[in-house]
Amino acid sequence: MDILSSLSPQNMLLLVVAIIVLVMIFFKVARKLFRFAAFILLGLVVYTLWSGKDLRETVNDGFEATLLRRPISKMVANCEGDKGGSAKCECIYLPLYQQLRNTHSDNEIRSLESDRDAKRVAIVEAYRSKKSIVQDCLKRRRNEKGGEILKKAVGFLNDLEAR
């Protein structure tokens, strides 16, 4: 407070004006940031309601979504083109997809799409039959980019198998 008492009236007036200007700038910036955050949140809520997923599924839409919530025919859609050589595609999606296509007819696959529990069971069965292939492929490609994601994917499949 000694600094404020030693200021001349002109400097005191300048300090008050500077504080007022800074507060006004802060509130204008904060208002725009709040509007932006509110717009993003509103978009997230609308997407969540429209997609029928809960908020956790919307924000963390990854491996589980590809296997359990997306259609089986779309499981390998992300593996087309340049992404086809990725470890996730080669080691997980393609072997599971091929096993599902080999063991189920088109009509059975369509019925699996409507029954989430039956789809989970079919994926677990496909994983059990291709488990050694999946694990060998992952061991071979372990040091590639995305190794943590692959570990989580295999952990997810093992959890599904344990249920």
C-alpha atoms as a PDB file:
ATOM      1  CA  MET A   1       0.000   0.000   0.000  1.00  0.00           C
ATOM      2  CA  ASP A   2       2.954   2.311   0.399  1.00  0.00           C
ATOM      3  CA  ILE A   3       3.386   2.293  -3.359  1.00  0.00           C
ATOM      4  CA  LEU A   4      -0.184   3.455  -3.931  1.00  0.00           C
ATOM      5  CA  SER A   5       0.089   6.261  -1.405  1.00  0.00           C
ATOM      6  CA  SER A   6       3.286   7.501  -3.026  1.00  0.00           C
ATOM      7  CA  LEU A   7       1.661   7.813  -6.474  1.00  0.00           C
ATOM      8  CA  SER A   8       0.682  11.214  -7.765  1.00  0.00           C
ATOM      9  CA  PRO A   9      -3.015  11.802  -8.528  1.00  0.00           C
ATOM     10  CA  GLN A  10      -2.330  11.624 -12.289  1.00  0.00           C
ATOM     11  CA  ASN A  11      -0.552   8.266 -11.952  1.00  0.00           C
ATOM     12  CA  MET A  12      -3.307   6.995  -9.680  1.00  0.00           C
ATOM     13  CA  LEU A  13      -5.871   7.940 -12.326  1.00  0.00           C
ATOM     14  CA  LEU A  14      -3.817   6.189 -15.036  1.00  0.00           C
ATOM     15  CA  LEU A  15      -3.572   3.059 -12.861  1.00  0.00           C
ATOM     16  CA  VAL A  16      -7.352   2.995 -12.321  1.00  0.00           C
ATOM     17  CA  VAL A  17      -7.994   3.473 -16.057  1.00  0.00           C
ATOM     18  CA  ALA A  18      -5.486   0.687 -16.901  1.00  0.00           C
ATOM     19  CA  ILE A  19      -7.173  -1.688 -14.449  1.00  0.00           C
ATOM     20  CA  ILE A  20     -10.605  -0.893 -15.900  1.00  0.00           C
ATOM     21  CA  VAL A  21      -9.330  -1.475 -19.453  1.00  0.00           C
ATOM     22  CA  LEU A  22      -7.702  -4.785 -18.447  1.00  0.00           C
ATOM     23  CA  VAL A  23     -10.894  -5.960 -16.745  1.00  0.00           C
ATOM     24  CA  MET A  24     -12.940  -5.046 -19.834  1.00  0.00           C
ATOM     25  CA  ILE A  25     -10.507  -6.905 -22.124  1.00  0.00           C
ATOM     26  CA  PHE A  26     -10.551  -9.911 -19.798  1.00  0.00           C
ATOM     27  CA  PHE A  27     -14.350 -10.087 -19.825  1.00  0.00           C
ATOM     28  CA  LYS A  28     -14.547  -9.712 -23.615  1.00  0.00           C
ATOM     29  CA  VAL A  29     -12.022 -12.507 -24.110  1.00  0.00           C
ATOM     30  CA  ALA A  30     -13.652 -14.667 -21.430  1.00  0.00           C
ATOM     31  CA  ARG A  31     -17.073 -14.143 -23.015  1.00  0.00           C
ATOM     32  CA  LYS A  32     -15.772 -15.292 -26.407  1.00  0.00           C
ATOM     33  CA  LEU A  33     -14.034 -18.277 -24.860  1.00  0.00           C
ATOM     34  CA  PHE A  34     -17.186 -19.160 -22.948  1.00  0.00           C
ATOM     35  CA  ARG A  35     -19.265 -18.902 -26.112  1.00  0.00           C
ATOM     36  CA  PHE A  36     -16.800 -21.141 -27.951  1.00  0.00           C
ATOM     37  CA  ALA A  37     -16.787 -23.685 -25.118  1.00  0.00           C
ATOM     38  CA  ALA A  38     -20.588 -23.569 -24.918  1.00  0.00           C
ATOM     39  CA  PHE A  39     -20.810 -24.120 -28.696  1.00  0.00           C
ATOM     40  CA  ILE A  40     -18.470 -27.133 -28.488  1.00  0.00           C
ATOM     41  CA  LEU A  41     -20.393 -28.542 -25.520  1.00  0.00           C
ATOM     42  CA  LEU A  42     -23.716 -28.039 -27.293  1.00  0.00           C
ATOM     43  CA  GLY A  43     -22.358 -29.805 -30.377  1.00  0.00           C
ATOM     44  CA  LEU A  44     -21.124 -32.692 -28.242  1.00  0.00           C
ATOM     45  CA  VAL A  45     -24.519 -33.019 -26.525  1.00  0.00           C
ATOM     46  CA  VAL A  46     -26.398 -32.907 -29.847  1.00  0.00           C
ATOM     47  CA  TYR A  47     -24.071 -35.525 -31.370  1.00  0.00           C
ATOM     48  CA  THR A  48     -24.415 -37.717 -28.285  1.00  0.00           C
ATOM     49  CA  LEU A  49     -28.211 -37.557 -28.418  1.00  0.00           C
ATOM     50  CA  TRP A  50     -28.289 -38.069 -32.179  1.00  0.00           C
ATOM     51  CA  SER A  51     -25.913 -41.050 -32.170  1.00  0.00           C
ATOM     52  CA  GLY A  52     -27.585 -42.809 -29.238  1.00  0.00           C
ATOM     53  CA  LYS A  53     -24.285 -43.235 -27.400  1.00  0.00           C
ATOM     54  CA  ASP A  54     -23.519 -42.065 -23.912  1.00  0.00           C
ATOM     55  CA  LEU A  55     -20.996 -39.262 -23.381  1.00  0.00           C
ATOM     56  CA  ARG A  56     -18.146 -41.637 -22.511  1.00  0.00           C
ATOM     57  CA  GLU A  57     -18.648 -43.524 -25.764  1.00  0.00           C
ATOM     58  CA  THR A  58     -18.807 -40.293 -27.752  1.00  0.00           C
ATOM     59  CA  VAL A  59     -15.581 -38.878 -26.370  1.00  0.00           C
ATOM     60  CA  ASN A  60     -13.675 -42.161 -26.313  1.00  0.00           C
ATOM     61  CA  ASP A  61     -14.829 -43.709 -29.575  1.00  0.00           C
ATOM     62  CA  GLY A  62     -12.076 -46.186 -30.310  1.00  0.00           C
ATOM     63  CA  PHE A  63     -11.395 -49.863 -30.473  1.00  0.00           C
ATOM     64  CA  GLU A  64     -14.467 -50.943 -28.538  1.00  0.00           C
ATOM     65  CA  ALA A  65     -16.679 -48.899 -30.845  1.00  0.00           C
ATOM     66  CA  THR A  66     -15.155 -50.483 -33.924  1.00  0.00           C
ATOM     67  CA  LEU A  67     -15.816 -53.987 -32.661  1.00  0.00           C
ATOM     68  CA  LEU A  68     -19.075 -53.715 -30.737  1.00  0.00           C
ATOM     69  CA  ARG A  69     -21.020 -50.723 -31.991  1.00  0.00           C
ATOM     70  CA  ARG A  70     -20.162 -50.448 -35.671  1.00  0.00           C
ATOM     71  CA  PRO A  71     -21.479 -52.957 -38.195  1.00  0.00           C
ATOM     72  CA  ILE A  72     -19.239 -55.954 -38.826  1.00  0.00           C
ATOM     73  CA  SER A  73     -18.998 -55.003 -42.492  1.00  0.00           C
ATOM     74  CA  LYS A  74     -17.537 -51.627 -41.435  1.00  0.00           C
ATOM     75  CA  MET A  75     -14.960 -53.251 -39.148  1.00  0.00           C
ATOM     76  CA  VAL A  76     -12.365 -53.292 -41.910  1.00  0.00           C
ATOM     77  CA  ALA A  77     -13.496 -50.093 -43.628  1.00  0.00           C
ATOM     78  CA  ASN A  78     -10.714 -48.185 -41.844  1.00  0.00           C
ATOM     79  CA  CYS A  79      -8.197 -50.714 -43.155  1.00  0.00           C
ATOM     80  CA  GLU A  80      -8.610 -49.823 -46.813  1.00  0.00           C
ATOM     81  CA  GLY A  81      -5.833 -48.067 -48.672  1.00  0.00           C
ATOM     82  CA  ASP A  82      -2.702 -46.965 -46.829  1.00  0.00           C
ATOM     83  CA  LYS A  83      -4.049 -47.954 -43.420  1.00  0.00           C
ATOM     84  CA  GLY A  84      -4.378 -51.598 -44.461  1.00  0.00           C
ATOM     85  CA  GLY A  85      -0.806 -52.313 -43.412  1.00  0.00           C
ATOM     86  CA  SER A  86      -1.228 -50.954 -39.899  1.00  0.00           C
ATOM     87  CA  ALA A  87      -0.729 -53.362 -37.035  1.00  0.00           C
ATOM     88  CA  LYS A  88      -4.256 -52.796 -35.743  1.00  0.00           C
ATOM     89  CA  CYS A  89      -5.721 -53.772 -39.097  1.00  0.00           C
ATOM     90  CA  GLU A  90      -3.384 -56.644 -39.874  1.00  0.00           C
ATOM     91  CA  CYS A  91      -3.303 -58.147 -36.394  1.00  0.00           C
ATOM     92  CA  ILE A  92      -6.809 -57.543 -35.048  1.00  0.00           C
ATOM     93  CA  TYR A  93      -9.493 -56.292 -37.413  1.00  0.00           C
ATOM     94  CA  LEU A  94      -8.730 -58.432 -40.479  1.00  0.00           C
ATOM     95  CA  PRO A  95      -8.324 -61.804 -38.676  1.00  0.00           C
ATOM     96  CA  LEU A  96     -11.500 -61.237 -36.632  1.00  0.00           C
ATOM     97  CA  TYR A  97     -13.439 -60.084 -39.683  1.00  0.00           C
ATOM     98  CA  GLN A  98     -12.297 -63.068 -41.746  1.00  0.00           C
ATOM     99  CA  GLN A  99     -13.226 -65.478 -38.963  1.00  0.00           C
ATOM    100  CA  LEU A 100     -16.666 -63.894 -38.559  1.00  0.00           C
ATOM    101  CA  ARG A 101     -17.255 -64.072 -42.330  1.00  0.00           C
ATOM    102  CA  ASN A 102     -16.113 -67.709 -42.431  1.00  0.00           C
ATOM    103  CA  THR A 103     -18.309 -68.874 -39.556  1.00  0.00           C
ATOM    104  CA  HIS A 104     -21.467 -66.805 -40.134  1.00  0.00           C
ATOM    105  CA  SER A 105     -23.702 -66.289 -43.148  1.00  0.00           C
ATOM    106  CA  ASP A 106     -24.797 -62.841 -44.308  1.00  0.00           C
ATOM    107  CA  ASN A 107     -28.178 -63.279 -42.591  1.00  0.00           C
ATOM    108  CA  GLU A 108     -26.516 -64.322 -39.332  1.00  0.00           C
ATOM    109  CA  ILE A 109     -24.218 -61.312 -39.483  1.00  0.00           C
ATOM    110  CA  ARG A 110     -27.207 -59.021 -40.010  1.00  0.00           C
ATOM    111  CA  SER A 111     -28.918 -60.540 -36.986  1.00  0.00           C
ATOM    112  CA  LEU A 112     -25.727 -60.092 -34.939  1.00  0.00           C
ATOM    113  CA  GLU A 113     -25.824 -56.384 -35.730  1.00  0.00           C
ATOM    114  CA  SER A 114     -29.152 -56.010 -33.943  1.00  0.00           C
ATOM    115  CA  ASP A 115     -28.178 -58.058 -30.876  1.00  0.00           C
ATOM    116  CA  ARG A 116     -25.197 -56.525 -29.085  1.00  0.00           C
ATOM    117  CA  ASP A 117     -24.727 -59.473 -26.711  1.00  0.00           C
ATOM    118  CA  ALA A 118     -24.763 -62.005 -29.540  1.00  0.00           C
ATOM    119  CA  LYS A 119     -22.302 -59.844 -31.457  1.00  0.00           C
ATOM    120  CA  ARG A 120     -20.000 -59.730 -28.443  1.00  0.00           C
ATOM    121  CA  VAL A 121     -20.168 -63.527 -28.135  1.00  0.00           C
ATOM    122  CA  ALA A 122     -19.412 -63.950 -31.853  1.00  0.00           C
ATOM    123  CA  ILE A 123     -16.418 -61.603 -31.605  1.00  0.00           C
ATOM    124  CA  VAL A 124     -15.117 -63.482 -28.559  1.00  0.00           C
ATOM    125  CA  GLU A 125     -15.446 -66.786 -30.430  1.00  0.00           C
ATOM    126  CA  ALA A 126     -13.643 -65.313 -33.434  1.00  0.00           C
ATOM    127  CA  TYR A 127     -10.909 -64.010 -31.133  1.00  0.00           C
ATOM    128  CA  ARG A 128     -10.532 -67.407 -29.437  1.00  0.00           C
ATOM    129  CA  SER A 129     -10.066 -69.150 -32.759  1.00  0.00           C
ATOM    130  CA  LYS A 130      -7.605 -66.519 -34.023  1.00  0.00           C
ATOM    131  CA  LYS A 131      -5.928 -65.745 -30.685  1.00  0.00           C
ATOM    132  CA  SER A 132      -2.578 -67.327 -31.560  1.00  0.00           C
ATOM    133  CA  ILE A 133      -2.486 -65.541 -34.918  1.00  0.00           C
ATOM    134  CA  VAL A 134      -3.365 -62.221 -33.285  1.00  0.00           C
ATOM    135  CA  GLN A 135      -0.747 -62.617 -30.559  1.00  0.00           C
ATOM    136  CA  ASP A 136       1.978 -63.734 -32.986  1.00  0.00           C
ATOM    137  CA  CYS A 137       1.248 -60.785 -35.248  1.00  0.00           C
ATOM    138  CA  LEU A 138       1.310 -58.360 -32.317  1.00  0.00           C
ATOM    139  CA  LYS A 139       4.627 -59.785 -31.075  1.00  0.00           C
ATOM    140  CA  ARG A 140       6.066 -59.356 -34.545  1.00  0.00           C
ATOM    141  CA  ARG A 141       4.820 -55.760 -34.843  1.00  0.00           C
ATOM    142  CA  ARG A 142       5.169 -54.760 -31.180  1.00  0.00           C
ATOM    143  CA  ASN A 143       7.699 -51.955 -31.648  1.00  0.00           C
ATOM    144  CA  GLU A 144       5.672 -50.065 -34.206  1.00  0.00           C
ATOM    145  CA  LYS A 145       3.870 -46.799 -33.604  1.00  0.00           C
ATOM    146  CA  GLY A 146       0.703 -47.276 -31.559  1.00  0.00           C
ATOM    147  CA  GLY A 147       1.963 -50.158 -29.436  1.00  0.00           C
ATOM    148  CA  GLU A 148       0.022 -48.914 -26.402  1.00  0.00           C
ATOM    149  CA  ILE A 149      -3.211 -48.882 -28.377  1.00  0.00           C
ATOM    150  CA  LEU A 150      -2.600 -52.463 -29.466  1.00  0.00           C
ATOM    151  CA  LYS A 151      -1.974 -53.507 -25.865  1.00  0.00           C
ATOM    152  CA  LYS A 152      -5.279 -51.908 -24.866  1.00  0.00           C
ATOM    153  CA  ALA A 153      -7.021 -53.628 -27.773  1.00  0.00           C
ATOM    154  CA  VAL A 154      -5.741 -57.049 -26.761  1.00  0.00           C
ATOM    155  CA  GLY A 155      -6.602 -56.278 -23.126  1.00  0.00           C
ATOM    156  CA  PHE A 156     -10.123 -55.382 -24.230  1.00  0.00           C
ATOM    157  CA  LEU A 157     -10.430 -58.641 -26.183  1.00  0.00           C
ATOM    158  CA  ASN A 158      -9.115 -60.631 -23.201  1.00  0.00           C
ATOM    159  CA  ASP A 159     -11.654 -58.883 -20.951  1.00  0.00           C
ATOM    160  CA  LEU A 160     -14.419 -59.748 -23.387  1.00  0.00           C
ATOM    161  CA  GLU A 161     -13.238 -63.341 -23.412  1.00  0.00           C
ATOM    162  CA  ALA A 162     -13.207 -63.474 -19.602  1.00  0.00           C
ATOM    163  CA  ARG A 163     -16.817 -62.256 -19.263  1.00  0.00           C
END
